Amino acid sequence: MGGRFGRVITAMVTPFKEDLSLDVDRAQELARWLADTGSDGLVVAGSTGEAATLTDEEKITLWRAVAQAVEGRARVIAGSGTYDTAHSVHLTEEAEKAGVDGILAVTPYYNKPPQRGLIEHFSKIAASTTLPVLLYNIPGRTALRIEHDTLIRLAGVGNIVGVKDSTADFDGISRLIAEAPDGFEVYSGDDWATFGYCSLGAVGTISVASHLVGDRMNRMVELVEQGDIGSARKIHEELLPIYRALFIVSNPIPVKAAVALVGQPAGSPRLPLVPATEDEITQVKAAMQEVGVL
């Protein structure tokens, strides 16, 4: 069940070596491990994957490598959106050639186009590929929201199949789920909101915490689907400490520290992001112990 990409999609970190060069072997190992621990899909080269500091060549290499590593075991979604429509189209075309299963296209950041610009931007990305496209609505990072009427317009584009929503607007999501055409799917873009969103009709989550608790998050979404809201809420409440700990400082700083603690190291983040401090690592470790990960 769940959406076309599954219930739990992990927004995968990008592993780097000590010199901060791309660690392709480690990326493949991590991807396979995630597929074995509750992830139905993986977003590769998204925000958590430090897309902002990856070159085009590195993104394409990652997409191809991860798609090969998890073929048939998890769906791979390429984070190919940028704030430049032509560049986004180019990356989307390259992602399809690399063998991914879908596209995640973020709202253009920094240049703040009007809503009619968003319609043209996303429509051109969708027209450049035969793959299903998820929009990514995250105004906290982009300084721009895809408004409700814009989403409804874009939901009518054939291969725009859903949205990863990080607005925390429960009223807006309830309205979107009610008014969107059949087949247009909503994924929670915030771990803490997953239970609430799925209770309103979202199909799953694109998650950071699923690096650590993917199996339990998958079970939580399944329980909501089955109507067992009480049992699902219990899992939600149990996982709240890890949801909070992974965002004590900018993502993916805490989760990169966390995966190292469970034997799945991904190296340090690239500047301008910096490694977790000892105090931050202590907080993450305590939360992991509280939820039984360590």
C-alpha atoms as a PDB file:
ATOM      1  CA  MET A   1       0.000   0.000   0.000  1.00  0.00           C
ATOM      2  CA  GLY A   2       1.105   3.569   0.465  1.00  0.00           C
ATOM      3  CA  GLY A   3       1.754   5.801  -2.505  1.00  0.00           C
ATOM      4  CA  ARG A   4       3.292   4.922  -5.845  1.00  0.00           C
ATOM      5  CA  PHE A   5       6.740   5.307  -4.281  1.00  0.00           C
ATOM      6  CA  GLY A   6       5.787   3.492  -1.073  1.00  0.00           C
ATOM      7  CA  ARG A   7       5.083   4.616   2.482  1.00  0.00           C
ATOM      8  CA  VAL A   8       8.536   5.664   3.656  1.00  0.00           C
ATOM      9  CA  ILE A   9      11.046   7.341   1.382  1.00  0.00           C
ATOM     10  CA  THR A  10      14.374   8.269   2.931  1.00  0.00           C
ATOM     11  CA  ALA A  11      15.898  11.601   1.980  1.00  0.00           C
ATOM     12  CA  MET A  12      19.319   9.982   1.800  1.00  0.00           C
ATOM     13  CA  VAL A  13      22.511  11.638   3.006  1.00  0.00           C
ATOM     14  CA  THR A  14      25.379  11.804   0.528  1.00  0.00           C
ATOM     15  CA  PRO A  15      28.497  10.046   1.809  1.00  0.00           C
ATOM     16  CA  PHE A  16      31.821  11.836   1.453  1.00  0.00           C
ATOM     17  CA  LYS A  17      35.361  10.616   2.028  1.00  0.00           C
ATOM     18  CA  GLU A  18      37.765  12.336   4.433  1.00  0.00           C
ATOM     19  CA  ASP A  19      38.805  14.753   1.675  1.00  0.00           C
ATOM     20  CA  LEU A  20      35.079  15.468   1.077  1.00  0.00           C
ATOM     21  CA  SER A  21      35.113  13.820  -2.344  1.00  0.00           C
ATOM     22  CA  LEU A  22      32.092  11.720  -3.269  1.00  0.00           C
ATOM     23  CA  ASP A  23      32.133   8.191  -1.794  1.00  0.00           C
ATOM     24  CA  VAL A  24      30.178   6.194  -4.366  1.00  0.00           C
ATOM     25  CA  ASP A  25      30.837   2.782  -2.817  1.00  0.00           C
ATOM     26  CA  ARG A  26      29.599   3.968   0.577  1.00  0.00           C
ATOM     27  CA  ALA A  27      26.512   5.500  -1.084  1.00  0.00           C
ATOM     28  CA  GLN A  28      25.637   2.138  -2.615  1.00  0.00           C
ATOM     29  CA  GLU A  29      26.183   0.329   0.696  1.00  0.00           C
ATOM     30  CA  LEU A  30      24.046   2.865   2.557  1.00  0.00           C
ATOM     31  CA  ALA A  31      21.295   2.670  -0.048  1.00  0.00           C
ATOM     32  CA  ARG A  32      21.115  -1.117   0.228  1.00  0.00           C
ATOM     33  CA  TRP A  33      21.064  -0.914   4.031  1.00  0.00           C
ATOM     34  CA  LEU A  34      18.218   1.608   3.947  1.00  0.00           C
ATOM     35  CA  ALA A  35      16.258  -0.626   1.565  1.00  0.00           C
ATOM     36  CA  ASP A  36      16.669  -3.432   4.114  1.00  0.00           C
ATOM     37  CA  THR A  37      15.541  -1.331   7.093  1.00  0.00           C
ATOM     38  CA  GLY A  38      12.161   0.078   6.096  1.00  0.00           C
ATOM     39  CA  SER A  39      12.783   2.445   3.181  1.00  0.00           C
ATOM     40  CA  ASP A  40      10.514   1.829   0.197  1.00  0.00           C
ATOM     41  CA  GLY A  41      12.280   4.589  -1.726  1.00  0.00           C
ATOM     42  CA  LEU A  42      15.235   6.953  -1.611  1.00  0.00           C
ATOM     43  CA  VAL A  43      15.557  10.595  -2.594  1.00  0.00           C
ATOM     44  CA  VAL A  44      19.081  11.019  -3.913  1.00  0.00           C
ATOM     45  CA  ALA A  45      20.694  14.465  -4.108  1.00  0.00           C
ATOM     46  CA  GLY A  46      17.943  16.297  -2.275  1.00  0.00           C
ATOM     47  CA  SER A  47      18.335  18.814   0.548  1.00  0.00           C
ATOM     48  CA  THR A  48      19.476  16.135   3.002  1.00  0.00           C
ATOM     49  CA  GLY A  49      21.840  14.866   0.318  1.00  0.00           C
ATOM     50  CA  GLU A  50      23.556  18.273   0.164  1.00  0.00           C
ATOM     51  CA  ALA A  51      22.473  18.914  -3.426  1.00  0.00           C
ATOM     52  CA  ALA A  52      23.554  22.540  -3.134  1.00  0.00           C
ATOM     53  CA  THR A  53      27.219  21.535  -2.981  1.00  0.00           C
ATOM     54  CA  LEU A  54      27.157  18.646  -5.455  1.00  0.00           C
ATOM     55  CA  THR A  55      28.291  19.150  -9.035  1.00  0.00           C
ATOM     56  CA  ASP A  56      26.069  17.997 -11.881  1.00  0.00           C
ATOM     57  CA  GLU A  57      28.511  15.169 -12.571  1.00  0.00           C
ATOM     58  CA  GLU A  58      28.381  14.047  -8.945  1.00  0.00           C
ATOM     59  CA  LYS A  59      24.582  14.041  -8.956  1.00  0.00           C
ATOM     60  CA  ILE A  60      24.418  11.964 -12.124  1.00  0.00           C
ATOM     61  CA  THR A  61      27.021   9.546 -10.754  1.00  0.00           C
ATOM     62  CA  LEU A  62      25.019   9.173  -7.527  1.00  0.00           C
ATOM     63  CA  TRP A  63      21.716   8.613  -9.309  1.00  0.00           C
ATOM     64  CA  ARG A  64      23.187   5.907 -11.507  1.00  0.00           C
ATOM     65  CA  ALA A  65      25.076   4.213  -8.667  1.00  0.00           C
ATOM     66  CA  VAL A  66      22.152   4.145  -6.232  1.00  0.00           C
ATOM     67  CA  ALA A  67      19.702   2.989  -8.902  1.00  0.00           C
ATOM     68  CA  GLN A  68      22.018   0.084  -9.680  1.00  0.00           C
ATOM     69  CA  ALA A  69      22.541  -0.712  -5.996  1.00  0.00           C
ATOM     70  CA  VAL A  70      18.856  -1.037  -5.062  1.00  0.00           C
ATOM     71  CA  GLU A  71      17.351  -2.148  -8.360  1.00  0.00           C
ATOM     72  CA  GLY A  72      14.032  -3.832  -7.632  1.00  0.00           C
ATOM     73  CA  ARG A  73      14.331  -3.281  -3.854  1.00  0.00           C
ATOM     74  CA  ALA A  74      13.584   0.438  -3.506  1.00  0.00           C
ATOM     75  CA  ARG A  75      12.481   3.225  -5.802  1.00  0.00           C
ATOM     76  CA  VAL A  76      14.996   5.976  -6.508  1.00  0.00           C
ATOM     77  CA  ILE A  77      13.844   9.573  -6.815  1.00  0.00           C
ATOM     78  CA  ALA A  78      16.304  12.138  -8.154  1.00  0.00           C
ATOM     79  CA  GLY A  79      16.439  15.601  -6.639  1.00  0.00           C
ATOM     80  CA  SER A  80      16.900  17.383  -9.957  1.00  0.00           C
ATOM     81  CA  GLY A  81      15.207  20.719  -9.257  1.00  0.00           C
ATOM     82  CA  THR A  82      17.127  23.980  -9.005  1.00  0.00           C
ATOM     83  CA  TYR A  83      16.240  27.689  -9.207  1.00  0.00           C
ATOM     84  CA  ASP A  84      16.986  27.689 -12.948  1.00  0.00           C
ATOM     85  CA  THR A  85      14.370  26.051 -15.175  1.00  0.00           C
ATOM     86  CA  ALA A  86      16.780  25.210 -18.011  1.00  0.00           C
ATOM     87  CA  HIS A  87      19.254  23.667 -15.574  1.00  0.00           C
ATOM     88  CA  SER A  88      16.456  21.706 -13.888  1.00  0.00           C
ATOM     89  CA  VAL A  89      15.330  20.348 -17.259  1.00  0.00           C
ATOM     90  CA  HIS A  90      18.899  19.297 -18.083  1.00  0.00           C
ATOM     91  CA  LEU A  91      19.349  17.500 -14.762  1.00  0.00           C
ATOM     92  CA  THR A  92      15.946  15.836 -15.091  1.00  0.00           C
ATOM     93  CA  GLU A  93      16.854  14.497 -18.524  1.00  0.00           C
ATOM     94  CA  GLU A  94      20.150  13.187 -17.138  1.00  0.00           C
ATOM     95  CA  ALA A  95      18.378  11.606 -14.174  1.00  0.00           C
ATOM     96  CA  GLU A  96      16.076   9.662 -16.467  1.00  0.00           C
ATOM     97  CA  LYS A  97      19.084   8.404 -18.439  1.00  0.00           C
ATOM     98  CA  ALA A  98      20.681   7.339 -15.149  1.00  0.00           C
ATOM     99  CA  GLY A  99      17.811   4.930 -14.486  1.00  0.00           C
ATOM    100  CA  VAL A 100      15.896   6.531 -11.618  1.00  0.00           C
ATOM    101  CA  ASP A 101      12.197   5.940 -10.961  1.00  0.00           C
ATOM    102  CA  GLY A 102      11.003   9.487 -10.340  1.00  0.00           C
ATOM    103  CA  ILE A 103      11.870  13.156  -9.982  1.00  0.00           C
ATOM    104  CA  LEU A 104      11.646  15.501  -6.982  1.00  0.00           C
ATOM    105  CA  ALA A 105      11.475  19.123  -8.133  1.00  0.00           C
ATOM    106  CA  VAL A 106      11.906  21.748  -5.434  1.00  0.00           C
ATOM    107  CA  THR A 107      10.318  25.185  -5.563  1.00  0.00           C
ATOM    108  CA  PRO A 108      12.803  27.604  -7.176  1.00  0.00           C
ATOM    109  CA  TYR A 109      14.678  29.287  -4.348  1.00  0.00           C
ATOM    110  CA  TYR A 110      16.216  32.745  -4.064  1.00  0.00           C
ATOM    111  CA  ASN A 111      14.735  34.279  -7.229  1.00  0.00           C
ATOM    112  CA  LYS A 112      11.122  34.104  -5.907  1.00  0.00           C
ATOM    113  CA  PRO A 113       9.083  33.830  -9.127  1.00  0.00           C
ATOM    114  CA  PRO A 114       5.342  34.607  -9.098  1.00  0.00           C
ATOM    115  CA  GLN A 115       2.915  31.690  -9.027  1.00  0.00           C
ATOM    116  CA  ARG A 116       2.474  31.790 -12.816  1.00  0.00           C
ATOM    117  CA  GLY A 117       6.262  31.370 -13.063  1.00  0.00           C
ATOM    118  CA  LEU A 118       6.041  28.276 -10.872  1.00  0.00           C
ATOM    119  CA  ILE A 119       3.420  26.787 -13.176  1.00  0.00           C
ATOM    120  CA  GLU A 120       5.683  27.285 -16.193  1.00  0.00           C
ATOM    121  CA  HIS A 121       8.786  26.065 -14.338  1.00  0.00           C
ATOM    122  CA  PHE A 122       7.265  22.806 -13.117  1.00  0.00           C
ATOM    123  CA  SER A 123       5.389  22.198 -16.355  1.00  0.00           C
ATOM    124  CA  LYS A 124       8.619  22.430 -18.358  1.00  0.00           C
ATOM    125  CA  ILE A 125      10.352  19.984 -16.006  1.00  0.00           C
ATOM    126  CA  ALA A 126       7.444  17.559 -16.315  1.00  0.00           C
ATOM    127  CA  ALA A 127       7.428  17.884 -20.109  1.00  0.00           C
ATOM    128  CA  SER A 128      11.121  16.974 -20.258  1.00  0.00           C
ATOM    129  CA  THR A 129      10.659  13.477 -18.825  1.00  0.00           C
ATOM    130  CA  THR A 130       8.454  10.412 -18.979  1.00  0.00           C
ATOM    131  CA  LEU A 131       9.058   9.844 -15.266  1.00  0.00           C
ATOM    132  CA  PRO A 132       6.567  10.722 -12.512  1.00  0.00           C
ATOM    133  CA  VAL A 133       7.347  14.076 -10.869  1.00  0.00           C
ATOM    134  CA  LEU A 134       6.847  15.054  -7.231  1.00  0.00           C
ATOM    135  CA  LEU A 135       6.813  18.745  -6.373  1.00  0.00           C
ATOM    136  CA  TYR A 136       8.612  19.858  -3.217  1.00  0.00           C
ATOM    137  CA  ASN A 137       6.908  22.624  -1.269  1.00  0.00           C
ATOM    138  CA  ILE A 138       9.303  23.880   1.431  1.00  0.00           C
ATOM    139  CA  PRO A 139       8.913  27.620   1.978  1.00  0.00           C
ATOM    140  CA  GLY A 140      11.245  27.544   4.974  1.00  0.00           C
ATOM    141  CA  ARG A 141      14.168  26.867   2.630  1.00  0.00           C
ATOM    142  CA  THR A 142      12.976  28.532  -0.579  1.00  0.00           C
ATOM    143  CA  ALA A 143      11.283  31.707   0.749  1.00  0.00           C
ATOM    144  CA  LEU A 144       8.357  30.865  -1.542  1.00  0.00           C
ATOM    145  CA  ARG A 145       5.287  28.687  -1.190  1.00  0.00           C
ATOM    146  CA  ILE A 146       3.491  26.818  -3.950  1.00  0.00           C
ATOM    147  CA  GLU A 147      -0.016  28.113  -3.254  1.00  0.00           C
ATOM    148  CA  HIS A 148      -3.098  25.895  -3.187  1.00  0.00           C
ATOM    149  CA  ASP A 149      -4.561  27.005  -6.523  1.00  0.00           C
ATOM    150  CA  THR A 150      -1.150  26.552  -8.159  1.00  0.00           C
ATOM    151  CA  LEU A 151      -0.889  23.016  -6.803  1.00  0.00           C
ATOM    152  CA  ILE A 152      -4.346  22.184  -8.116  1.00  0.00           C
ATOM    153  CA  ARG A 153      -3.367  23.522 -11.570  1.00  0.00           C
ATOM    154  CA  LEU A 154      -0.144  21.514 -11.562  1.00  0.00           C
ATOM    155  CA  ALA A 155      -1.949  18.373 -10.369  1.00  0.00           C
ATOM    156  CA  GLY A 156      -3.673  18.416 -13.758  1.00  0.00           C
ATOM    157  CA  VAL A 157      -0.335  17.960 -15.550  1.00  0.00           C
ATOM    158  CA  GLY A 158      -0.141  14.316 -16.593  1.00  0.00           C
ATOM    159  CA  ASN A 159       3.066  13.172 -14.918  1.00  0.00           C
ATOM    160  CA  ILE A 160       3.024  15.536 -11.925  1.00  0.00           C
ATOM    161  CA  VAL A 161       1.824  12.928  -9.464  1.00  0.00           C
ATOM    162  CA  GLY A 162       2.151  14.481  -6.024  1.00  0.00           C
ATOM    163  CA  VAL A 163       3.881  16.797  -3.593  1.00  0.00           C
ATOM    164  CA  LYS A 164       6.329  16.516  -0.744  1.00  0.00           C
ATOM    165  CA  ASP A 165       4.886  19.073   1.630  1.00  0.00           C
ATOM    166  CA  SER A 166       6.948  20.813   4.308  1.00  0.00           C
ATOM    167  CA  THR A 167       4.567  23.657   5.077  1.00  0.00           C
ATOM    168  CA  ALA A 168       3.209  22.206   8.367  1.00  0.00           C
ATOM    169  CA  ASP A 169      -0.166  23.596   7.225  1.00  0.00           C
ATOM    170  CA  PHE A 170      -2.595  20.883   8.289  1.00  0.00           C
ATOM    171  CA  ASP A 171      -5.628  22.851   7.168  1.00  0.00           C
ATOM    172  CA  GLY A 172      -4.080  23.438   3.761  1.00  0.00           C
ATOM    173  CA  ILE A 173      -3.119  19.784   3.367  1.00  0.00           C
ATOM    174  CA  SER A 174      -6.605  18.636   4.328  1.00  0.00           C
ATOM    175  CA  ARG A 175      -8.042  20.929   1.650  1.00  0.00           C
ATOM    176  CA  LEU A 176      -5.488  19.809  -0.946  1.00  0.00           C
ATOM    177  CA  ILE A 177      -6.184  16.115  -0.366  1.00  0.00           C
ATOM    178  CA  ALA A 178      -9.925  16.790  -0.667  1.00  0.00           C
ATOM    179  CA  GLU A 179      -9.682  18.861  -3.859  1.00  0.00           C
ATOM    180  CA  ALA A 180      -6.788  17.311  -5.802  1.00  0.00           C
ATOM    181  CA  PRO A 181      -7.614  14.889  -8.620  1.00  0.00           C
ATOM    182  CA  ASP A 182      -7.482  11.142  -8.007  1.00  0.00           C
ATOM    183  CA  GLY A 183      -3.934   9.861  -8.133  1.00  0.00           C
ATOM    184  CA  PHE A 184      -2.305  13.064  -6.865  1.00  0.00           C
ATOM    185  CA  GLU A 185      -0.481  12.024  -3.698  1.00  0.00           C
ATOM    186  CA  VAL A 186       0.716  13.968  -0.685  1.00  0.00           C
ATOM    187  CA  TYR A 187       3.851  12.984   1.221  1.00  0.00           C
ATOM    188  CA  SER A 188       4.785  14.576   4.519  1.00  0.00           C
ATOM    189  CA  GLY A 189       8.105  16.388   4.283  1.00  0.00           C
ATOM    190  CA  ASP A 190       8.545  16.663   8.056  1.00  0.00           C
ATOM    191  CA  ASP A 191       9.063  13.635  10.284  1.00  0.00           C
ATOM    192  CA  TRP A 192       7.085  15.076  13.185  1.00  0.00           C
ATOM    193  CA  ALA A 193       4.114  15.782  10.884  1.00  0.00           C
ATOM    194  CA  THR A 194       3.969  12.321   9.312  1.00  0.00           C
ATOM    195  CA  PHE A 195       1.396  10.850  11.675  1.00  0.00           C
ATOM    196  CA  GLY A 196      -0.898  13.869  11.379  1.00  0.00           C
ATOM    197  CA  TYR A 197      -0.571  14.168   7.611  1.00  0.00           C
ATOM    198  CA  CYS A 198      -1.238  10.462   7.059  1.00  0.00           C
ATOM    199  CA  SER A 199      -4.251  10.646   9.355  1.00  0.00           C
ATOM    200  CA  LEU A 200      -5.605  13.309   6.973  1.00  0.00           C
ATOM    201  CA  GLY A 201      -4.979  11.148   3.909  1.00  0.00           C
ATOM    202  CA  ALA A 202      -1.310  11.597   2.965  1.00  0.00           C
ATOM    203  CA  VAL A 203       0.195   8.399   1.565  1.00  0.00           C
ATOM    204  CA  GLY A 204       3.508   8.469   3.416  1.00  0.00           C
ATOM    205  CA  THR A 205       6.594  10.464   4.248  1.00  0.00           C
ATOM    206  CA  ILE A 206       9.868  11.602   2.748  1.00  0.00           C
ATOM    207  CA  SER A 207      11.916  11.340   5.878  1.00  0.00           C
ATOM    208  CA  VAL A 208      15.251  12.029   7.566  1.00  0.00           C
ATOM    209  CA  ALA A 209      14.586   9.946  10.697  1.00  0.00           C
ATOM    210  CA  SER A 210      13.996   6.857   8.538  1.00  0.00           C
ATOM    211  CA  HIS A 211      17.782   6.546   8.290  1.00  0.00           C
ATOM    212  CA  LEU A 212      17.432   5.219  11.853  1.00  0.00           C
ATOM    213  CA  VAL A 213      13.810   4.132  12.439  1.00  0.00           C
ATOM    214  CA  GLY A 214      12.516   3.348   8.951  1.00  0.00           C
ATOM    215  CA  ASP A 215      10.862   0.073   9.936  1.00  0.00           C
ATOM    216  CA  ARG A 216       8.880   1.707  12.731  1.00  0.00           C
ATOM    217  CA  MET A 217       7.857   4.657  10.589  1.00  0.00           C
ATOM    218  CA  ASN A 218       6.689   2.268   7.874  1.00  0.00           C
ATOM    219  CA  ARG A 219       4.634   0.373  10.437  1.00  0.00           C
ATOM    220  CA  MET A 220       3.148   3.622  11.761  1.00  0.00           C
ATOM    221  CA  VAL A 221       1.934   4.636   8.287  1.00  0.00           C
ATOM    222  CA  GLU A 222       0.590   1.116   7.713  1.00  0.00           C
ATOM    223  CA  LEU A 223      -1.383   1.281  10.951  1.00  0.00           C
ATOM    224  CA  VAL A 224      -2.938   4.585   9.904  1.00  0.00           C
ATOM    225  CA  GLU A 225      -3.965   2.979   6.605  1.00  0.00           C
ATOM    226  CA  GLN A 226      -5.597   0.163   8.581  1.00  0.00           C
ATOM    227  CA  GLY A 227      -7.484   2.630  10.770  1.00  0.00           C
ATOM    228  CA  ASP A 228      -5.588   1.770  13.955  1.00  0.00           C
ATOM    229  CA  ILE A 229      -4.917   5.393  14.868  1.00  0.00           C
ATOM    230  CA  GLY A 230      -4.223   4.636  18.528  1.00  0.00           C
ATOM    231  CA  SER A 231      -1.382   2.210  17.785  1.00  0.00           C
ATOM    232  CA  ALA A 232       0.030   4.537  15.139  1.00  0.00           C
ATOM    233  CA  ARG A 233      -0.018   7.451  17.579  1.00  0.00           C
ATOM    234  CA  LYS A 234       1.884   5.345  20.106  1.00  0.00           C
ATOM    235  CA  ILE A 235       4.731   4.863  17.601  1.00  0.00           C
ATOM    236  CA  HIS A 236       4.613   8.578  16.755  1.00  0.00           C
ATOM    237  CA  GLU A 237       4.996   9.490  20.413  1.00  0.00           C
ATOM    238  CA  GLU A 238       7.831   6.991  20.905  1.00  0.00           C
ATOM    239  CA  LEU A 239       9.766   8.496  17.991  1.00  0.00           C
ATOM    240  CA  LEU A 240       9.344  12.169  18.915  1.00  0.00           C
ATOM    241  CA  PRO A 241      12.775  12.385  20.608  1.00  0.00           C
ATOM    242  CA  ILE A 242      14.613  11.336  17.450  1.00  0.00           C
ATOM    243  CA  TYR A 243      12.476  13.616  15.278  1.00  0.00           C
ATOM    244  CA  ARG A 244      13.505  16.548  17.469  1.00  0.00           C
ATOM    245  CA  ALA A 245      17.170  15.591  17.813  1.00  0.00           C
ATOM    246  CA  LEU A 246      17.763  15.398  14.071  1.00  0.00           C
ATOM    247  CA  PHE A 247      16.853  19.073  13.714  1.00  0.00           C
ATOM    248  CA  ILE A 248      18.700  20.665  16.632  1.00  0.00           C
ATOM    249  CA  VAL A 249      20.931  22.269  13.992  1.00  0.00           C
ATOM    250  CA  SER A 250      20.698  22.478  10.210  1.00  0.00           C
ATOM    251  CA  ASN A 251      19.936  19.191   8.442  1.00  0.00           C
ATOM    252  CA  PRO A 252      21.900  17.020   7.573  1.00  0.00           C
ATOM    253  CA  ILE A 253      24.464  17.826  10.290  1.00  0.00           C
ATOM    254  CA  PRO A 254      22.732  15.760  13.035  1.00  0.00           C
ATOM    255  CA  VAL A 255      21.764  12.799  10.838  1.00  0.00           C
ATOM    256  CA  LYS A 256      25.310  12.497   9.498  1.00  0.00           C
ATOM    257  CA  ALA A 257      26.463  12.189  13.101  1.00  0.00           C
ATOM    258  CA  ALA A 258      23.675   9.684  13.802  1.00  0.00           C
ATOM    259  CA  VAL A 259      24.381   7.285  10.933  1.00  0.00           C
ATOM    260  CA  ALA A 260      28.023   7.118  11.993  1.00  0.00           C
ATOM    261  CA  LEU A 261      26.861   5.982  15.443  1.00  0.00           C
ATOM    262  CA  VAL A 262      24.990   3.022  13.930  1.00  0.00           C
ATOM    263  CA  GLY A 263      27.898   1.919  11.760  1.00  0.00           C
ATOM    264  CA  GLN A 264      26.790   3.552   8.517  1.00  0.00           C
ATOM    265  CA  PRO A 265      29.239   6.485   8.287  1.00  0.00           C
ATOM    266  CA  ALA A 266      28.665   9.148   5.631  1.00  0.00           C
ATOM    267  CA  GLY A 267      31.511  11.515   6.428  1.00  0.00           C
ATOM    268  CA  SER A 268      31.335  15.192   7.271  1.00  0.00           C
ATOM    269  CA  PRO A 269      29.103  17.645   5.422  1.00  0.00           C
ATOM    270  CA  ARG A 270      30.620  20.038   2.908  1.00  0.00           C
ATOM    271  CA  LEU A 271      31.059  23.701   3.735  1.00  0.00           C
ATOM    272  CA  PRO A 272      29.268  25.929   4.472  1.00  0.00           C
ATOM    273  CA  LEU A 273      27.778  23.141   6.605  1.00  0.00           C
ATOM    274  CA  VAL A 274      30.042  21.914   9.386  1.00  0.00           C
ATOM    275  CA  PRO A 275      30.286  18.694  11.414  1.00  0.00           C
ATOM    276  CA  ALA A 276      28.240  18.274  14.583  1.00  0.00           C
ATOM    277  CA  THR A 277      29.826  19.543  17.785  1.00  0.00           C
ATOM    278  CA  GLU A 278      30.457  17.221  20.722  1.00  0.00           C
ATOM    279  CA  ASP A 279      27.419  18.674  22.485  1.00  0.00           C
ATOM    280  CA  GLU A 280      25.230  18.091  19.424  1.00  0.00           C
ATOM    281  CA  ILE A 281      26.505  14.524  19.094  1.00  0.00           C
ATOM    282  CA  THR A 282      25.712  13.946  22.770  1.00  0.00           C
ATOM    283  CA  GLN A 283      22.132  15.159  22.243  1.00  0.00           C
ATOM    284  CA  VAL A 284      21.663  12.979  19.158  1.00  0.00           C
ATOM    285  CA  LYS A 285      23.117   9.952  20.931  1.00  0.00           C
ATOM    286  CA  ALA A 286      20.817  10.458  23.927  1.00  0.00           C
ATOM    287  CA  ALA A 287      17.760  10.593  21.662  1.00  0.00           C
ATOM    288  CA  MET A 288      18.900   7.476  19.810  1.00  0.00           C
ATOM    289  CA  GLN A 289      19.253   5.655  23.108  1.00  0.00           C
ATOM    290  CA  GLU A 290      15.828   6.882  24.240  1.00  0.00           C
ATOM    291  CA  VAL A 291      14.118   5.410  21.164  1.00  0.00           C
ATOM    292  CA  GLY A 292      16.159   2.219  21.281  1.00  0.00           C
ATOM    293  CA  VAL A 293      18.356   2.747  18.231  1.00  0.00           C
ATOM    294  CA  LEU A 294      21.537   2.479  20.317  1.00  0.00           C
END
